[in-house]
């Protein structure tokens, strides 16, 4: 008889529109929702906090929220406590806006990749050999 008309095998035409995985799309959407909700919360303790990334697992059970702040590592304890205080409100906003069957349980961590990059940048700026080589090049 052959294949039924109207549907092709394999991926649907809708899934071909996206060039990156579902988890990445969900993570980015959740990051946007969390960042917008933090602006609505308007807590001074979170004034200089930036949500850099969110990793949501494929089952939407857990979401690790990575953040950075101008306070650096010294402010992590207060920031994590404050984010923990608003965790349920953030999860509720996610559930409302993404209309998924599950809402990930959020966990908060400082973004060590950004901090490591800042440390590397500082080391390079303070490197006497690099500074000497740059001044030799300008002469």
N, C-alpha and C. Protein backbone atom coordinates (compact mmCIF):
# COMPACT_ATOMS: atom_id res chain seq x y z
N UNK A 1 0.79 -1.20 0.00
CA UNK A 1 0.00 0.00 0.00
C UNK A 1 0.84 1.26 0.00
N UNK A 2 1.94 1.25 0.74
CA UNK A 2 2.76 2.47 0.79
C UNK A 2 2.49 3.28 2.03
N UNK A 3 3.16 4.39 2.09
CA UNK A 3 3.02 5.29 3.25
C UNK A 3 1.76 6.12 3.14
N UNK A 4 1.18 6.45 4.31
CA UNK A 4 0.01 7.34 4.28
C UNK A 4 0.44 8.73 3.82
N UNK A 5 -0.42 9.37 3.09
CA UNK A 5 -0.13 10.70 2.58
C UNK A 5 -0.29 11.74 3.69
N UNK A 6 0.45 12.82 3.57
CA UNK A 6 0.26 13.94 4.50
C UNK A 6 1.33 14.04 5.57
N UNK A 7 1.95 12.94 5.96
CA UNK A 7 3.00 12.99 6.99
C UNK A 7 4.22 12.27 6.45
N UNK A 8 5.35 12.87 6.63
CA UNK A 8 6.58 12.23 6.19
C UNK A 8 7.22 11.53 7.38
N UNK A 9 8.09 10.61 7.08
CA UNK A 9 8.79 9.90 8.15
C UNK A 9 9.87 10.79 8.74
N UNK A 10 10.28 10.45 9.95
CA UNK A 10 11.37 11.20 10.57
C UNK A 10 10.88 12.47 11.21
N UNK A 11 11.68 13.47 11.08
CA UNK A 11 11.36 14.75 11.72
C UNK A 11 10.20 15.44 11.03
N UNK A 12 9.43 16.13 11.82
CA UNK A 12 8.36 16.93 11.24
C UNK A 12 8.95 18.21 10.67
N UNK A 13 8.24 18.84 9.79
CA UNK A 13 8.75 20.08 9.19
C UNK A 13 8.90 21.17 10.23
N UNK A 14 8.12 21.10 11.31
CA UNK A 14 8.20 22.09 12.37
C UNK A 14 9.53 22.01 13.11
N UNK A 15 10.07 20.80 13.32
CA UNK A 15 11.32 20.67 14.07
C UNK A 15 12.52 21.07 13.24
N UNK A 16 12.38 21.16 11.93
CA UNK A 16 13.50 21.55 11.08
C UNK A 16 13.77 23.05 11.13
N UNK A 17 12.85 23.81 11.63
CA UNK A 17 13.02 25.26 11.72
C UNK A 17 14.14 25.64 12.67
N UNK A 18 14.39 24.83 13.68
CA UNK A 18 15.33 25.18 14.73
C UNK A 18 16.68 24.53 14.45
N UNK A 19 17.72 25.32 14.54
CA UNK A 19 19.05 24.82 14.25
C UNK A 19 19.82 24.42 15.50
N UNK A 20 19.21 24.53 16.68
CA UNK A 20 19.89 24.12 17.90
C UNK A 20 18.93 23.31 18.76
N UNK A 21 19.47 22.54 19.70
CA UNK A 21 18.66 21.57 20.46
C UNK A 21 17.56 22.21 21.31
N UNK A 22 16.56 21.41 21.60
CA UNK A 22 15.42 21.83 22.40
C UNK A 22 15.87 22.34 23.76
N UNK A 23 16.83 21.65 24.41
CA UNK A 23 17.30 22.07 25.73
C UNK A 23 17.88 23.48 25.69
N UNK A 24 18.61 23.80 24.61
CA UNK A 24 19.19 25.13 24.48
C UNK A 24 18.11 26.19 24.32
N UNK A 25 17.07 25.88 23.55
CA UNK A 25 15.97 26.83 23.37
C UNK A 25 15.24 27.05 24.69
N UNK A 26 14.98 25.97 25.41
CA UNK A 26 14.29 26.08 26.70
C UNK A 26 15.14 26.85 27.69
N UNK A 27 16.44 26.54 27.75
CA UNK A 27 17.34 27.24 28.67
C UNK A 27 17.36 28.73 28.40
N UNK A 28 17.42 29.12 27.13
CA UNK A 28 17.44 30.54 26.79
C UNK A 28 16.12 31.21 27.14
N UNK A 29 15.02 30.54 26.89
CA UNK A 29 13.71 31.10 27.24
C UNK A 29 13.58 31.27 28.74
N UNK A 30 14.00 30.26 29.49
CA UNK A 30 13.93 30.34 30.95
C UNK A 30 14.85 31.45 31.46
N UNK A 31 16.03 31.63 30.85
CA UNK A 31 16.94 32.71 31.25
C UNK A 31 16.26 34.06 31.06
N UNK A 32 15.58 34.25 29.94
CA UNK A 32 14.88 35.51 29.69
C UNK A 32 13.77 35.74 30.71
N UNK A 33 13.02 34.70 31.03
CA UNK A 33 11.93 34.83 32.00
C UNK A 33 12.48 35.20 33.37
N UNK A 34 13.54 34.51 33.80
CA UNK A 34 14.13 34.79 35.12
C UNK A 34 14.68 36.21 35.16
N UNK A 35 15.38 36.63 34.12
CA UNK A 35 15.94 37.99 34.10
C UNK A 35 14.83 39.04 34.16
N UNK A 36 13.75 38.84 33.39
CA UNK A 36 12.63 39.78 33.43
C UNK A 36 11.96 39.81 34.81
N UNK A 37 11.81 38.65 35.40
CA UNK A 37 11.16 38.58 36.72
C UNK A 37 12.02 39.26 37.78
N UNK A 38 13.33 39.13 37.69
CA UNK A 38 14.21 39.81 38.66
C UNK A 38 14.08 41.32 38.54
N UNK A 39 13.86 41.81 37.34
CA UNK A 39 13.62 43.26 37.18
C UNK A 39 12.32 43.67 37.85
N UNK A 40 11.29 42.82 37.76
CA UNK A 40 10.00 43.11 38.40
C UNK A 40 10.11 43.07 39.92
N UNK A 41 10.92 42.16 40.43
CA UNK A 41 11.06 42.00 41.88
C UNK A 41 11.64 43.27 42.49
N UNK A 42 12.60 43.89 41.85
CA UNK A 42 13.16 45.17 42.28
C UNK A 42 13.68 45.13 43.72
N UNK A 43 14.53 44.16 44.01
CA UNK A 43 15.17 44.04 45.32
C UNK A 43 16.57 44.63 45.20
N UNK A 44 16.92 45.56 46.09
CA UNK A 44 18.22 46.23 46.03
C UNK A 44 19.39 45.25 46.15
N UNK A 45 19.18 44.13 46.83
CA UNK A 45 20.25 43.15 46.97
C UNK A 45 20.58 42.48 45.65
N UNK A 46 19.69 42.58 44.67
CA UNK A 46 19.90 41.97 43.36
C UNK A 46 20.11 43.03 42.27
N UNK A 47 20.40 44.25 42.68
CA UNK A 47 20.49 45.36 41.73
C UNK A 47 21.59 45.16 40.68
N UNK A 48 22.71 44.60 41.07
CA UNK A 48 23.83 44.46 40.14
C UNK A 48 24.09 43.00 39.79
N UNK A 49 23.04 42.20 39.78
CA UNK A 49 23.15 40.78 39.44
C UNK A 49 22.70 40.59 38.00
N UNK A 50 23.49 39.83 37.25
CA UNK A 50 23.16 39.50 35.87
C UNK A 50 23.02 38.00 35.75
N UNK A 51 21.95 37.56 35.15
CA UNK A 51 21.76 36.13 34.87
C UNK A 51 22.52 35.85 33.57
N UNK A 52 23.58 35.06 33.66
CA UNK A 52 24.44 34.82 32.50
C UNK A 52 24.01 33.61 31.69
N UNK A 53 23.49 32.58 32.36
CA UNK A 53 23.08 31.36 31.66
C UNK A 53 22.21 30.52 32.58
N UNK A 54 21.44 29.64 31.97
CA UNK A 54 20.67 28.66 32.73
C UNK A 54 20.78 27.34 31.98
N UNK A 55 21.15 26.30 32.71
CA UNK A 55 21.19 24.95 32.14
C UNK A 55 20.00 24.18 32.66
N UNK A 56 19.08 23.87 31.77
CA UNK A 56 17.90 23.08 32.12
C UNK A 56 18.11 21.68 31.56
N UNK A 57 17.90 20.67 32.40
CA UNK A 57 18.08 19.30 31.91
C UNK A 57 16.96 18.93 30.94
N UNK A 58 17.16 17.85 30.21
CA UNK A 58 16.22 17.47 29.15
C UNK A 58 14.83 17.11 29.67
N UNK A 59 14.73 16.69 30.92
CA UNK A 59 13.44 16.34 31.49
C UNK A 59 12.75 17.51 32.20
N UNK A 60 13.40 18.67 32.20
CA UNK A 60 12.90 19.88 32.88
C UNK A 60 12.71 19.65 34.38
N UNK A 61 13.58 18.83 34.97
CA UNK A 61 13.52 18.62 36.42
C UNK A 61 14.30 19.68 37.17
N UNK A 62 15.47 20.02 36.67
CA UNK A 62 16.35 20.97 37.34
C UNK A 62 16.84 22.03 36.38
N UNK A 63 17.03 23.21 36.92
CA UNK A 63 17.61 24.31 36.16
C UNK A 63 18.67 24.99 37.02
N UNK A 64 19.90 25.00 36.53
CA UNK A 64 20.99 25.67 37.25
C UNK A 64 21.10 27.08 36.68
N UNK A 65 20.88 28.06 37.54
CA UNK A 65 20.92 29.46 37.16
C UNK A 65 22.31 30.00 37.50
N UNK A 66 23.05 30.43 36.47
CA UNK A 66 24.37 31.02 36.67
C UNK A 66 24.23 32.53 36.65
N UNK A 67 24.88 33.18 37.60
CA UNK A 67 24.78 34.63 37.70
C UNK A 67 26.16 35.23 37.91
N UNK A 68 26.26 36.52 37.68
CA UNK A 68 27.46 37.28 38.00
C UNK A 68 27.00 38.60 38.60
N UNK A 69 27.87 39.19 39.40
CA UNK A 69 27.52 40.47 40.01
C UNK A 69 28.77 41.32 40.18
N UNK A 70 28.54 42.60 40.36
CA UNK A 70 29.66 43.52 40.59
C UNK A 70 30.27 43.32 41.98
N UNK A 71 29.54 42.66 42.87
CA UNK A 71 30.04 42.43 44.22
C UNK A 71 31.11 41.35 44.26
N UNK A 72 31.17 40.52 43.23
CA UNK A 72 32.16 39.45 43.17
C UNK A 72 31.87 38.36 44.19
N UNK A 73 32.88 37.54 44.48
CA UNK A 73 32.69 36.42 45.40
C UNK A 73 32.26 36.84 46.81
N UNK A 74 32.59 38.06 47.20
CA UNK A 74 32.23 38.54 48.54
C UNK A 74 30.71 38.64 48.70
N UNK A 75 30.00 38.90 47.63
CA UNK A 75 28.55 39.07 47.72
C UNK A 75 27.76 37.80 47.44
N UNK A 76 28.45 36.69 47.15
CA UNK A 76 27.75 35.46 46.75
C UNK A 76 26.78 34.94 47.80
N UNK A 77 27.17 34.95 49.06
CA UNK A 77 26.30 34.38 50.10
C UNK A 77 24.97 35.13 50.17
N UNK A 78 25.03 36.45 50.16
CA UNK A 78 23.80 37.25 50.22
C UNK A 78 22.98 37.09 48.95
N UNK A 79 23.63 37.08 47.80
CA UNK A 79 22.92 36.95 46.53
C UNK A 79 22.24 35.59 46.44
N UNK A 80 22.94 34.53 46.81
CA UNK A 80 22.35 33.20 46.74
C UNK A 80 21.18 33.06 47.72
N UNK A 81 21.31 33.67 48.90
CA UNK A 81 20.20 33.63 49.87
C UNK A 81 18.99 34.40 49.33
N UNK A 82 19.24 35.55 48.70
CA UNK A 82 18.16 36.36 48.16
C UNK A 82 17.48 35.65 46.98
N UNK A 83 18.28 35.08 46.08
CA UNK A 83 17.71 34.32 44.96
C UNK A 83 16.93 33.12 45.48
N UNK A 84 17.45 32.46 46.51
CA UNK A 84 16.73 31.34 47.11
C UNK A 84 15.40 31.77 47.70
N UNK A 85 15.37 32.97 48.27
CA UNK A 85 14.13 33.52 48.82
C UNK A 85 13.06 33.69 47.73
N UNK A 86 13.49 34.09 46.53
CA UNK A 86 12.56 34.33 45.43
C UNK A 86 12.41 33.13 44.49
N UNK A 87 13.00 32.00 44.84
CA UNK A 87 13.01 30.82 43.96
C UNK A 87 11.60 30.40 43.53
N UNK A 88 10.69 30.28 44.47
CA UNK A 88 9.32 29.84 44.12
C UNK A 88 8.62 30.85 43.23
N UNK A 89 8.83 32.12 43.48
CA UNK A 89 8.24 33.16 42.63
C UNK A 89 8.80 33.07 41.20
N UNK A 90 10.10 32.82 41.08
CA UNK A 90 10.72 32.69 39.76
C UNK A 90 10.19 31.45 39.04
N UNK A 91 10.06 30.35 39.77
CA UNK A 91 9.53 29.12 39.18
C UNK A 91 8.09 29.30 38.74
N UNK A 92 7.31 30.04 39.51
CA UNK A 92 5.93 30.32 39.14
C UNK A 92 5.87 31.15 37.86
N UNK A 93 6.76 32.13 37.74
CA UNK A 93 6.80 32.95 36.52
C UNK A 93 7.18 32.10 35.31
N UNK A 94 8.11 31.17 35.51
CA UNK A 94 8.50 30.26 34.42
C UNK A 94 7.30 29.43 33.99
N UNK A 95 6.61 28.85 34.95
CA UNK A 95 5.45 28.00 34.65
C UNK A 95 4.38 28.78 33.89
N UNK A 96 4.15 30.01 34.30
CA UNK A 96 3.12 30.85 33.67
C UNK A 96 3.50 31.21 32.23
N UNK A 97 4.77 31.51 32.01
CA UNK A 97 5.17 32.05 30.71
C UNK A 97 5.55 31.00 29.67
N UNK A 98 6.06 29.84 30.08
CA UNK A 98 6.48 28.89 29.05
C UNK A 98 5.46 27.79 28.79
N UNK A 99 4.43 27.69 29.61
CA UNK A 99 3.34 26.73 29.40
C UNK A 99 3.84 25.30 29.17
N UNK A 100 4.75 24.86 30.02
CA UNK A 100 5.26 23.49 29.92
C UNK A 100 4.59 22.62 30.98
N UNK A 101 4.65 21.33 30.76
CA UNK A 101 4.07 20.41 31.74
C UNK A 101 4.84 20.44 33.05
N UNK A 102 6.14 20.67 32.95
CA UNK A 102 6.98 20.71 34.15
C UNK A 102 7.68 22.04 34.23
N UNK A 103 7.97 22.42 35.46
CA UNK A 103 8.78 23.60 35.70
C UNK A 103 10.03 23.15 36.44
N UNK A 104 11.21 23.53 35.97
CA UNK A 104 12.42 23.06 36.63
C UNK A 104 12.58 23.68 38.02
N UNK A 105 13.13 22.88 38.93
CA UNK A 105 13.49 23.38 40.25
C UNK A 105 14.80 24.14 40.08
N UNK A 106 14.83 25.39 40.48
CA UNK A 106 15.99 26.23 40.23
C UNK A 106 17.03 26.09 41.33
N UNK A 107 18.28 26.10 40.90
CA UNK A 107 19.44 26.09 41.78
C UNK A 107 20.33 27.23 41.30
N UNK A 108 20.93 27.98 42.22
CA UNK A 108 21.69 29.18 41.86
C UNK A 108 23.18 28.97 42.13
N UNK A 109 24.00 29.39 41.15
CA UNK A 109 25.45 29.28 41.28
C UNK A 109 26.11 30.49 40.62
N UNK A 110 27.21 30.94 41.21
CA UNK A 110 27.96 32.01 40.53
C UNK A 110 28.57 31.47 39.24
N UNK A 111 28.69 32.31 38.23
CA UNK A 111 29.25 31.91 36.95
C UNK A 111 30.77 31.98 37.03
N UNK A 112 31.38 30.84 37.30
CA UNK A 112 32.83 30.77 37.47
C UNK A 112 33.57 31.01 36.17
N UNK A 113 32.96 30.74 35.04
CA UNK A 113 33.63 30.96 33.75
C UNK A 113 33.90 32.45 33.54
N UNK A 114 32.95 33.28 33.88
CA UNK A 114 33.15 34.73 33.74
C UNK A 114 34.20 35.22 34.73
N UNK A 115 34.17 34.70 35.93
CA UNK A 115 35.17 35.11 36.93
C UNK A 115 36.57 34.65 36.53
N UNK A 116 36.68 33.45 35.97
CA UNK A 116 37.98 32.96 35.52
C UNK A 116 38.51 33.83 34.38
N UNK A 117 37.63 34.22 33.46
CA UNK A 117 38.04 35.09 32.36
C UNK A 117 38.51 36.44 32.88
N UNK A 118 37.86 36.97 33.90
CA UNK A 118 38.27 38.24 34.49
C UNK A 118 39.63 38.11 35.16
N UNK A 119 39.87 36.97 35.82
CA UNK A 119 41.18 36.76 36.45
C UNK A 119 42.28 36.65 35.40
N UNK A 120 42.01 35.96 34.30
CA UNK A 120 42.99 35.84 33.23
C UNK A 120 43.28 37.21 32.63
N UNK A 121 42.24 38.00 32.42
CA UNK A 121 42.42 39.34 31.89
C UNK A 121 43.29 40.19 32.81
N UNK A 122 43.03 40.08 34.11
CA UNK A 122 43.82 40.85 35.08
C UNK A 122 45.28 40.41 35.08
N UNK A 123 45.53 39.11 35.01
CA UNK A 123 46.91 38.61 34.97
C UNK A 123 47.61 39.12 33.73
N UNK A 124 46.92 39.08 32.58
CA UNK A 124 47.54 39.56 31.34
C UNK A 124 47.83 41.06 31.39
N UNK A 125 46.94 41.81 31.99
CA UNK A 125 47.17 43.26 32.09
C UNK A 125 48.35 43.59 33.01
N UNK A 126 48.56 42.78 34.03
CA UNK A 126 49.62 43.04 35.00
C UNK A 126 50.92 42.29 34.70
N UNK A 127 50.99 41.61 33.57
CA UNK A 127 52.18 40.84 33.21
C UNK A 127 53.29 41.81 32.79
N UNK A 128 54.42 41.82 33.52
CA UNK A 128 55.49 42.76 33.18
C UNK A 128 56.11 42.50 31.80
N UNK A 129 56.22 41.24 31.39
CA UNK A 129 56.78 40.92 30.07
C UNK A 129 55.88 41.47 28.96
N UNK A 130 54.61 41.31 29.11
CA UNK A 130 53.66 41.80 28.09
C UNK A 130 53.70 43.32 28.04
N UNK A 131 53.75 43.96 29.20
CA UNK A 131 53.81 45.41 29.26
C UNK A 131 55.09 45.91 28.60
N UNK A 132 56.20 45.25 28.87
CA UNK A 132 57.49 45.63 28.28
C UNK A 132 57.44 45.45 26.75
N UNK A 133 56.87 44.35 26.28
CA UNK A 133 56.79 44.11 24.85
C UNK A 133 55.89 45.14 24.16
N UNK A 134 54.82 45.53 24.79
CA UNK A 134 53.94 46.53 24.21
C UNK A 134 54.63 47.88 24.12
N UNK A 135 55.40 48.25 25.16
CA UNK A 135 56.09 49.54 25.11
C UNK A 135 57.22 49.52 24.08
N UNK A 136 57.85 48.35 23.84
CA UNK A 136 58.88 48.23 22.80
C UNK A 136 58.28 48.40 21.41
N UNK A 137 57.07 47.92 21.22
CA UNK A 137 56.40 47.98 19.91
C UNK A 137 56.01 49.41 19.56
N UNK A 138 55.73 50.23 20.55
CA UNK A 138 55.28 51.60 20.27
C UNK A 138 56.44 52.53 20.00
N UNK A 139 57.64 52.13 20.32
CA UNK A 139 58.81 53.00 20.09
C UNK A 139 59.32 52.94 18.70
